[in-house]
Every structure is written in C-alpha cells, then in structure tokens.
C-alpha atoms as a PDB file:
ATOM      1  CA  MET A   1     101.597 115.943  70.110  1.00  0.00           C
ATOM      2  CA  LYS A   2     102.589 114.726  73.555  1.00  0.00           C
ATOM      3  CA  THR A   3     101.370 111.321  74.640  1.00  0.00           C
ATOM      4  CA  SER A   4      99.431 110.968  77.881  1.00  0.00           C
ATOM      5  CA  TYR A   5     102.217 109.134  79.719  1.00  0.00           C
ATOM      6  CA  GLU A   6     104.701 111.900  78.834  1.00  0.00           C
ATOM      7  CA  MET A   7     102.307 114.599  80.070  1.00  0.00           C
ATOM      8  CA  LYS A   8     101.539 112.737  83.313  1.00  0.00           C
ATOM      9  CA  GLY A   9     105.250 112.154  83.906  1.00  0.00           C
ATOM     10  CA  LYS A  10     106.018 115.858  83.527  1.00  0.00           C
ATOM     11  CA  GLN A  11     103.148 116.794  85.863  1.00  0.00           C
ATOM     12  CA  LEU A  12     104.549 114.500  88.550  1.00  0.00           C
ATOM     13  CA  LEU A  13     108.141 115.718  88.336  1.00  0.00           C
ATOM     14  CA  TRP A  14     107.904 118.984  90.318  1.00  0.00           C
ATOM     15  CA  PRO A  15     106.007 117.661  93.368  1.00  0.00           C
ATOM     16  CA  LEU A  16     108.318 114.649  93.482  1.00  0.00           C
ATOM     17  CA  PHE A  17     111.318 116.940  93.043  1.00  0.00           C
ATOM     18  CA  GLY A  18     110.278 118.829  96.185  1.00  0.00           C
ATOM     19  CA  LEU A  19     110.053 115.623  98.197  1.00  0.00           C
ATOM     20  CA  VAL A  20     113.455 114.450  97.006  1.00  0.00           C
ATOM     21  CA  VAL A  21     115.090 117.787  97.805  1.00  0.00           C
ATOM     22  CA  PHE A  22     113.614 117.685 101.317  1.00  0.00           C
ATOM     23  CA  GLU A  23     114.907 114.132 101.839  1.00  0.00           C
ATOM     24  CA  ILE A  24     118.353 115.055 100.515  1.00  0.00           C
ATOM     25  CA  LEU A  25     118.593 118.123 102.733  1.00  0.00           C
ATOM     26  CA  LEU A  26     117.538 116.096 105.739  1.00  0.00           C
ATOM     27  CA  SER A  27     120.038 113.362 104.881  1.00  0.00           C
ATOM     28  CA  ALA A  28     122.857 115.883 104.314  1.00  0.00           C
ATOM     29  CA  THR A  29     122.133 117.506 107.678  1.00  0.00           C
ATOM     30  CA  VAL A  30     122.270 114.174 109.485  1.00  0.00           C
ATOM     31  CA  SER A  31     125.219 112.650 107.633  1.00  0.00           C
ATOM     32  CA  GLY A  32     127.399 115.713 107.018  1.00  0.00           C
ATOM     33  CA  CYS A  33     126.857 115.689 103.202  1.00  0.00           C
ATOM     34  CA  THR A  34     128.238 112.185 102.716  1.00  0.00           C
ATOM     35  CA  ILE A  35     125.527 110.079 101.196  1.00  0.00           C
ATOM     36  CA  SER A  36     125.260 106.675 102.817  1.00  0.00           C
ATOM     37  CA  SER A  37     124.132 103.545 101.022  1.00  0.00           C
ATOM     38  CA  LYS A  38     120.876 103.679 103.020  1.00  0.00           C
ATOM     39  CA  ALA A  39     120.138 107.241 101.827  1.00  0.00           C
ATOM     40  CA  LEU A  40     120.900 106.291  98.223  1.00  0.00           C
ATOM     41  CA  ASP A  41     117.661 105.927  96.259  1.00  0.00           C
ATOM     42  CA  VAL A  42     116.367 105.940  92.690  1.00  0.00           C
ATOM     43  CA  SER A  43     112.800 105.541  91.387  1.00  0.00           C
ATOM     44  CA  ILE A  44     111.261 105.375  87.941  1.00  0.00           C
ATOM     45  CA  THR A  45     108.158 107.581  87.942  1.00  0.00           C
ATOM     46  CA  SER A  46     107.209 107.189  84.278  1.00  0.00           C
ATOM     47  CA  PRO A  47     106.238 104.832  82.855  1.00  0.00           C
ATOM     48  CA  ARG A  48     104.554 103.192  85.818  1.00  0.00           C
ATOM     49  CA  ASN A  49     104.915  99.538  86.692  1.00  0.00           C
ATOM     50  CA  GLY A  50     102.398  97.485  84.685  1.00  0.00           C
ATOM     51  CA  GLN A  51     101.664 100.289  82.217  1.00  0.00           C
ATOM     52  CA  GLN A  52     101.009  99.555  78.535  1.00  0.00           C
ATOM     53  CA  VAL A  53     103.260 101.589  76.241  1.00  0.00           C
ATOM     54  CA  PRO A  54     103.439 101.750  72.437  1.00  0.00           C
ATOM     55  CA  VAL A  55     106.413  99.906  70.921  1.00  0.00           C
ATOM     56  CA  SER A  56     106.635 102.147  67.855  1.00  0.00           C
ATOM     57  CA  LYS A  57     107.477 105.362  69.745  1.00  0.00           C
ATOM     58  CA  ASN A  58     110.578 106.625  71.465  1.00  0.00           C
ATOM     59  CA  LEU A  59     109.716 106.283  75.125  1.00  0.00           C
ATOM     60  CA  LEU A  60     110.547 109.034  77.632  1.00  0.00           C
ATOM     61  CA  ILE A  61     111.588 107.466  80.924  1.00  0.00           C
ATOM     62  CA  SER A  62     111.728 109.743  83.954  1.00  0.00           C
ATOM     63  CA  GLY A  63     112.342 109.479  87.645  1.00  0.00           C
ATOM     64  CA  ILE A  64     113.717 110.856  90.862  1.00  0.00           C
ATOM     65  CA  SER A  65     116.763 110.038  92.942  1.00  0.00           C
ATOM     66  CA  SER A  66     118.832 111.095  95.915  1.00  0.00           C
ATOM     67  CA  ALA A  67     121.616 112.284  93.564  1.00  0.00           C
ATOM     68  CA  ASN A  68     121.956 116.032  93.958  1.00  0.00           C
ATOM     69  CA  GLY A  69     124.632 118.208  92.450  1.00  0.00           C
ATOM     70  CA  THR A  70     126.987 117.837  95.426  1.00  0.00           C
ATOM     71  CA  ASN A  71     127.168 114.094  96.098  1.00  0.00           C
ATOM     72  CA  LYS A  72     128.752 113.090  92.753  1.00  0.00           C
ATOM     73  CA  CYS A  73     126.172 110.456  91.903  1.00  0.00           C
ATOM     74  CA  GLU A  74     124.554 109.763  88.565  1.00  0.00           C
ATOM     75  CA  VAL A  75     121.658 107.786  87.160  1.00  0.00           C
ATOM     76  CA  SER A  76     121.718 105.384  84.233  1.00  0.00           C
ATOM     77  CA  VAL A  77     119.090 103.199  82.563  1.00  0.00           C
ATOM     78  CA  ILE A  78     119.007  99.753  81.011  1.00  0.00           C
ATOM     79  CA  ILE A  79     116.162  98.226  78.972  1.00  0.00           C
ATOM     80  CA  ASN A  80     115.518  94.475  78.861  1.00  0.00           C
ATOM     81  CA  ASN A  81     119.004  93.855  80.316  1.00  0.00           C
ATOM     82  CA  ILE A  82     120.675  95.081  77.103  1.00  0.00           C
ATOM     83  CA  LYS A  83     124.004  96.469  78.285  1.00  0.00           C
ATOM     84  CA  PRO A  84     125.677  98.833  78.731  1.00  0.00           C
ATOM     85  CA  TYR A  85     123.690 101.129  80.983  1.00  0.00           C
ATOM     86  CA  GLN A  86     122.937 104.462  79.307  1.00  0.00           C
ATOM     87  CA  LYS A  87     123.421 107.707  81.215  1.00  0.00           C
ATOM     88  CA  ALA A  88     120.246 109.637  82.017  1.00  0.00           C
ATOM     89  CA  VAL A  89     120.061 113.434  81.859  1.00  0.00           C
ATOM     90  CA  GLY A  90     120.029 115.225  85.214  1.00  0.00           C
ATOM     91  CA  MET A  91     117.187 117.730  85.381  1.00  0.00           C
ATOM     92  CA  GLY A  92     117.494 118.879  89.014  1.00  0.00           C
ATOM     93  CA  ILE A  93     118.828 122.392  88.459  1.00  0.00           C
ATOM     94  CA  PRO A  94     118.005 123.864  85.043  1.00  0.00           C
ATOM     95  CA  SER A  95     121.204 124.473  83.084  1.00  0.00           C
ATOM     96  CA  HIS A  96     120.080 127.974  82.068  1.00  0.00           C
ATOM     97  CA  LEU A  97     120.330 128.926  85.774  1.00  0.00           C
ATOM     98  CA  THR A  98     123.730 127.372  86.390  1.00  0.00           C
ATOM     99  CA  GLY A  99     125.365 128.040  83.009  1.00  0.00           C
ATOM    100  CA  HIS A 100     126.475 124.409  82.634  1.00  0.00           C
ATOM    101  CA  ILE A 101     124.977 120.969  82.197  1.00  0.00           C
ATOM    102  CA  SER A 102     123.394 119.808  85.423  1.00  0.00           C
ATOM    103  CA  ASN A 103     124.882 116.928  87.382  1.00  0.00           C
ATOM    104  CA  ASP A 104     121.887 117.095  89.712  1.00  0.00           C
ATOM    105  CA  TYR A 105     119.944 113.882  89.161  1.00  0.00           C
ATOM    106  CA  SER A 106     117.292 114.553  91.810  1.00  0.00           C
ATOM    107  CA  THR A 107     114.988 114.471  88.789  1.00  0.00           C
ATOM    108  CA  TRP A 108     116.173 112.785  85.615  1.00  0.00           C
ATOM    109  CA  VAL A 109     115.024 111.685  82.148  1.00  0.00           C
ATOM    110  CA  TYR A 110     116.147 109.232  79.503  1.00  0.00           C
ATOM    111  CA  ARG A 111     114.695 109.022  75.983  1.00  0.00           C
ATOM    112  CA  LEU A 112     114.766 105.476  74.662  1.00  0.00           C
ATOM    113  CA  GLY A 113     116.501 105.462  71.303  1.00  0.00           C
ATOM    114  CA  PHE A 114     119.834 104.523  69.783  1.00  0.00           C
ATOM    115  CA  PRO A 115     121.635 102.259  70.751  1.00  0.00           C
ATOM    116  CA  TYR A 116     118.586 100.461  72.135  1.00  0.00           C
ATOM    117  CA  PRO A 117     116.003  98.918  69.827  1.00  0.00           C
ATOM    118  CA  PRO A 118     112.402  99.971  70.486  1.00  0.00           C
ATOM    119  CA  LEU A 119     110.450  98.151  73.160  1.00  0.00           C
ATOM    120  CA  LYS A 120     109.260  94.714  72.124  1.00  0.00           C
ATOM    121  CA  LEU A 121     105.667  93.508  72.093  1.00  0.00           C
ATOM    122  CA  GLY A 122     104.792  92.009  75.449  1.00  0.00           C
ATOM    123  CA  GLU A 123     106.772  92.281  78.661  1.00  0.00           C
ATOM    124  CA  ASN A 124     109.727  94.683  78.928  1.00  0.00           C
ATOM    125  CA  THR A 125     111.854  95.613  81.934  1.00  0.00           C
ATOM    126  CA  ILE A 126     113.267  99.070  82.581  1.00  0.00           C
ATOM    127  CA  THR A 127     115.901  99.418  85.292  1.00  0.00           C
ATOM    128  CA  ALA A 128     117.343 102.643  86.672  1.00  0.00           C
ATOM    129  CA  LYS A 129     120.625 102.582  88.589  1.00  0.00           C
ATOM    130  CA  ILE A 130     122.109 105.261  90.809  1.00  0.00           C
ATOM    131  CA  THR A 131     125.863 105.087  91.366  1.00  0.00           C
ATOM    132  CA  CYS A 132     128.044 107.307  93.525  1.00  0.00           C
ATOM    133  CA  ALA A 133     131.735 107.621  92.708  1.00  0.00           C
ATOM    134  CA  ALA A 134     132.764 108.647  96.218  1.00  0.00           C
ATOM    135  CA  ASN A 135     131.654 105.458  97.924  1.00  0.00           C
ATOM    136  CA  ASN A 136     131.011 103.099  94.991  1.00  0.00           C
ATOM    137  CA  HIS A 137     127.466 102.321  96.177  1.00  0.00           C
ATOM    138  CA  SER A 138     124.639 101.509  93.756  1.00  0.00           C
ATOM    139  CA  ARG A 139     120.884 101.095  94.063  1.00  0.00           C
ATOM    140  CA  PHE A 140     118.384  99.923  91.468  1.00  0.00           C
ATOM    141  CA  ASN A 141     114.694 100.327  90.636  1.00  0.00           C
ATOM    142  CA  THR A 142     112.915  98.235  88.007  1.00  0.00           C
ATOM    143  CA  VAL A 143     109.496  98.552  86.411  1.00  0.00           C
ATOM    144  CA  ASN A 144     107.829  96.124  84.050  1.00  0.00           C
ATOM    145  CA  VAL A 145     105.842  97.543  81.150  1.00  0.00           C
ATOM    146  CA  THR A 146     103.867  95.879  78.390  1.00  0.00           C
ATOM    147  CA  GLY A 147     104.703  96.846  74.835  1.00  0.00           C
ATOM    148  CA  VAL A 148     101.592  97.212  72.639  1.00  0.00           C
ATOM    149  CA  GLN A 149     100.951  98.224  69.005  1.00  0.00           C
END
C-alpha cells in the first residue's frame, strides 16, 4: 500500500514537470542551449520541508530540476551529510519511449536504502545536488524532515 507522502509526491510530479520543461525551453532559447549557473536549479518536492516521516520505511525522495536530456547534468542526493552523494534516477522522458535509460532529470526520484541507514528519530536533512559536467556548476536544495516511529 502506498503511503500518503508517496501518493502526494507522484500527484505533484506532472504539473511540476510541465513548469520545469517550460523554464528549460525558455532558458535554452535565451542562452543557446548552454545552461548557465543562474538557470541551474534543483528542488526536493517530496518529502516537504518540516514533514514527519516514518523511520522504519524506505523513503521515496522526489524532485524537479533544470537538468534535461541535452545539458548533461545529473541529480544526486545525500542524507544527514553521509557521503558520498547517491545518484538519483532521471524520470523526465520515460525509458520505454526512448529505448534507453533517461538522463533527463527534469523530474527525478531516489529511494532511500542501501548504503544509507534508515532515517533517524528526530531531525534529518535531505540535500539534492545538481551538477553539470560541461561547466562544472552545482546547486543544492535541502529539506529538513522529522523522523517518527
């Protein structure tokens, strides 16, 4: 059975995806397809900042970013500053349409699991990072969640 935060996160992905695609297209038109550090953006959409999440479950973390399939950027996630960053899964263009794994991180997900321990009781930080190989720029977004039983 899906938990309420997973369902809400999935419901938010498509409208947010549309906004990100519009912003990326606008940015590509203005900048000639080279993503600038100002246009680089990543956001965690689920869980939300301040949300209470169960510590005993594998948490699905999702978000949006300015990383489309053409700008050679990717998103990674870190929990409670336990390194290294773990690569998220790009969900922008479904792989069944392209025939290969998507490198479009305009929408992305990461399921908390090995090598990370579960969330701890109390305050936890989740940080998403977008990095672009072409220009070596990075941006970050962090949410704080409270781990509960």
